[in-house]
Amino acid sequence: MNFFLCLIVVGGIAALIVLRLWLVLCFRKKGQHSVSVRVLVVAGSGGHTTEILRLLGSLSKGYNPRHYVLADTDKMSAVKIRLFEEKRAELDSESLVLCNGPGTCVPICASALLLGILGIKKVIIVYVESICRVETLSLSGKILYHFSDYFFVQWPALKGKYPKSVYLGRIV
């Protein structure tokens, strides 16, 4: 009898989690944000940092403050980011994760999605596939294609294969 009671309780909890996940993923309101959006930028080493900083440079002043995640060993990216931010000091307030492909962005985006699933905070996830991905998505892109609010590609061949994506040409 206790076994069946435990099974019913666990099944009920699982059903509630699945329902909450479905509600969050299906009814995300795109394009609705306040004047200011907080941004979490996941920086990777090498070209990823250069690309993401170019992308940030083209965003309006409303995407502020910006917070960065990078490896402790990535001293070059830390210097580039500090110089970038010194040139651009601004306002603040909503939440957005902007990333472009390093594997470290997947757990960050999963955490942001979890905040929404738990009803703690709505975080907009914007993924920009790296310009070097011409015909196939990166592993990070394949994962985040299904969970991001906005998914940008920089080649028309990718837009054809991934209809949810947005193609604006070269943006980095």
Protein backbone atom coordinates (compact mmCIF):
# COMPACT_ATOMS: atom_id res chain seq x y z
CA MET A 1 0.00 0.00 0.00
CA ASN A 2 2.85 2.43 0.84
CA PHE A 3 4.44 1.65 -2.50
CA PHE A 4 1.32 2.73 -4.39
CA LEU A 5 1.00 5.90 -2.31
CA CYS A 6 4.63 6.83 -3.05
CA LEU A 7 4.09 6.07 -6.72
CA ILE A 8 1.05 8.38 -6.83
CA VAL A 9 2.91 11.21 -5.05
CA VAL A 10 5.97 10.92 -7.30
CA GLY A 11 3.74 10.76 -10.40
CA GLY A 12 1.86 13.86 -9.27
CA ILE A 13 5.06 15.81 -8.69
CA ALA A 14 6.44 14.72 -12.06
CA ALA A 15 3.19 15.79 -13.75
CA LEU A 16 3.38 19.24 -12.11
CA ILE A 17 7.00 19.69 -13.24
CA VAL A 18 6.15 18.66 -16.82
CA LEU A 19 3.13 21.00 -16.83
CA ARG A 20 5.25 23.93 -15.57
CA LEU A 21 7.95 23.24 -18.18
CA TRP A 22 5.31 23.08 -20.93
CA LEU A 23 3.75 26.37 -19.79
CA VAL A 24 7.09 28.16 -19.70
CA LEU A 25 8.27 26.88 -23.08
CA CYS A 26 4.97 27.28 -24.94
CA PHE A 27 3.82 30.62 -23.64
CA ARG A 28 6.99 32.70 -23.57
CA LYS A 29 6.15 36.25 -24.62
CA LYS A 30 8.80 37.34 -27.06
CA GLY A 31 9.83 40.92 -27.54
CA GLN A 32 8.31 42.21 -24.29
CA HIS A 33 10.90 43.82 -22.08
CA SER A 34 11.28 47.05 -20.17
CA VAL A 35 13.52 49.97 -21.04
CA SER A 36 16.56 48.34 -19.46
CA VAL A 37 17.64 44.68 -19.77
CA ARG A 38 20.36 43.06 -17.64
CA VAL A 39 22.61 40.88 -19.80
CA LEU A 40 24.70 37.86 -18.81
CA VAL A 41 27.37 37.39 -21.47
CA VAL A 42 29.12 34.03 -21.72
CA ALA A 43 32.57 34.72 -23.18
CA GLY A 44 34.72 32.00 -24.68
CA SER A 45 38.38 32.22 -25.47
CA GLY A 46 39.77 33.41 -28.78
CA GLY A 47 37.38 34.46 -31.51
CA HIS A 48 34.24 33.93 -29.41
CA THR A 49 35.12 36.90 -27.18
CA THR A 50 35.86 39.15 -30.15
CA GLU A 51 32.55 38.20 -31.81
CA ILE A 52 30.46 38.67 -28.66
CA LEU A 53 32.03 42.09 -27.97
CA ARG A 54 31.28 43.21 -31.53
CA LEU A 55 27.71 42.06 -31.02
CA LEU A 56 27.45 43.90 -27.68
CA GLY A 57 28.83 47.03 -29.32
CA SER A 58 25.87 47.11 -31.68
CA LEU A 59 23.23 46.78 -28.94
CA SER A 60 21.36 49.82 -27.68
CA LYS A 61 22.05 51.41 -24.29
CA GLY A 62 19.02 49.60 -22.87
CA TYR A 63 21.01 46.34 -22.59
CA ASN A 64 22.68 47.15 -19.31
CA PRO A 65 24.20 46.25 -16.90
CA ARG A 66 26.25 43.52 -18.49
CA HIS A 67 27.75 40.68 -16.45
CA TYR A 68 30.34 38.28 -17.83
CA VAL A 69 31.17 34.62 -17.34
CA LEU A 70 34.62 33.50 -18.47
CA ALA A 71 37.26 30.96 -17.54
CA ASP A 72 39.74 31.87 -14.79
CA THR A 73 42.56 31.03 -17.18
CA ASP A 74 41.28 33.32 -19.96
CA LYS A 75 43.25 36.48 -19.12
CA MET A 76 43.07 37.89 -22.66
CA SER A 77 39.24 37.90 -22.66
CA ALA A 78 39.22 39.56 -19.24
CA VAL A 79 41.39 42.39 -20.59
CA LYS A 80 39.26 42.78 -23.75
CA ILE A 81 36.05 42.88 -21.69
CA ARG A 82 37.44 45.41 -19.22
CA LEU A 83 38.53 47.69 -22.06
CA PHE A 84 35.16 47.29 -23.77
CA GLU A 85 33.26 48.15 -20.58
CA GLU A 86 35.48 51.13 -19.81
CA LYS A 87 34.43 52.60 -23.16
CA ARG A 88 30.75 51.88 -22.43
CA ALA A 89 29.36 52.68 -18.98
CA GLU A 90 25.54 52.93 -18.74
CA LEU A 91 22.14 52.27 -16.96
CA ASP A 92 20.36 49.00 -15.79
CA SER A 93 17.51 46.42 -15.20
CA GLU A 94 15.62 43.24 -16.80
CA SER A 95 17.42 39.98 -17.61
CA LEU A 96 18.91 38.55 -20.77
CA VAL A 97 21.54 35.90 -21.48
CA LEU A 98 23.46 36.54 -24.70
CA CYS A 99 25.79 33.85 -25.98
CA ASN A 100 27.41 32.72 -29.21
CA GLY A 101 28.65 29.19 -28.91
CA PRO A 102 31.16 28.33 -26.21
CA GLY A 103 30.16 25.12 -24.44
CA THR A 104 30.12 27.00 -21.14
CA CYS A 105 26.95 28.81 -22.26
CA VAL A 106 24.77 25.66 -22.13
CA PRO A 107 24.68 25.26 -18.32
CA ILE A 108 24.26 29.03 -17.92
CA CYS A 109 21.25 29.00 -20.26
CA ALA A 110 19.88 25.90 -18.51
CA SER A 111 20.09 27.79 -15.21
CA ALA A 112 18.31 30.79 -16.74
CA LEU A 113 15.59 28.50 -18.09
CA LEU A 114 15.25 26.87 -14.68
CA LEU A 115 14.65 30.29 -13.10
CA GLY A 116 11.69 30.70 -15.44
CA ILE A 117 10.39 27.17 -14.90
CA LEU A 118 10.44 27.70 -11.15
CA GLY A 119 8.73 31.06 -11.57
CA ILE A 120 11.59 32.95 -9.93
CA LYS A 121 12.59 35.24 -12.78
CA LYS A 122 11.96 35.54 -16.52
CA VAL A 123 15.23 35.50 -18.41
CA ILE A 124 15.36 36.03 -22.18
CA ILE A 125 17.86 33.71 -23.88
CA VAL A 126 19.43 35.02 -27.09
CA TYR A 127 21.79 32.73 -28.98
CA VAL A 128 23.87 33.90 -31.94
CA GLU A 129 25.49 31.03 -33.82
CA SER A 130 29.12 31.74 -34.61
CA ILE A 131 29.87 33.04 -38.09
CA CYS A 132 32.15 30.06 -38.70
CA ARG A 133 29.12 27.71 -38.62
CA VAL A 134 28.06 27.72 -42.28
CA GLU A 135 26.13 24.48 -42.85
CA THR A 136 25.61 22.87 -39.43
CA LEU A 137 25.01 24.16 -35.94
CA SER A 138 27.58 23.81 -33.19
CA LEU A 139 26.76 21.39 -30.37
CA SER A 140 25.76 24.36 -28.18
CA GLY A 141 23.55 25.62 -31.01
CA LYS A 142 21.87 22.23 -31.44
CA ILE A 143 21.02 22.17 -27.74
CA LEU A 144 19.97 25.81 -27.32
CA TYR A 145 17.97 25.97 -30.58
CA HIS A 146 15.08 24.38 -28.70
CA PHE A 147 15.27 26.54 -25.56
CA SER A 148 16.35 30.02 -26.65
CA ASP A 149 13.87 32.86 -27.08
CA TYR A 150 15.79 34.18 -30.07
CA PHE A 151 18.16 32.11 -32.20
CA PHE A 152 20.23 33.95 -34.81
CA VAL A 153 22.22 32.37 -37.64
CA GLN A 154 24.58 34.18 -39.99
CA TRP A 155 24.24 32.00 -43.09
CA PRO A 156 21.12 31.37 -45.23
CA ALA A 157 21.81 27.61 -45.40
CA LEU A 158 21.27 27.37 -41.64
CA LYS A 159 18.02 29.35 -41.81
CA GLY A 160 16.75 26.79 -44.33
CA LYS A 161 17.56 23.88 -42.01
CA TYR A 162 16.37 25.56 -38.81
CA PRO A 163 13.10 27.44 -39.41
CA LYS A 164 12.89 28.90 -35.87
CA SER A 165 16.18 30.72 -36.46
CA VAL A 166 16.44 34.33 -37.56
CA TYR A 167 18.77 35.18 -40.44
CA LEU A 168 19.84 38.81 -40.74
CA GLY A 169 23.02 38.23 -42.71
CA ARG A 170 26.39 38.75 -41.10
CA ILE A 171 25.81 40.47 -37.76
CA VAL A 172 29.21 40.06 -36.12
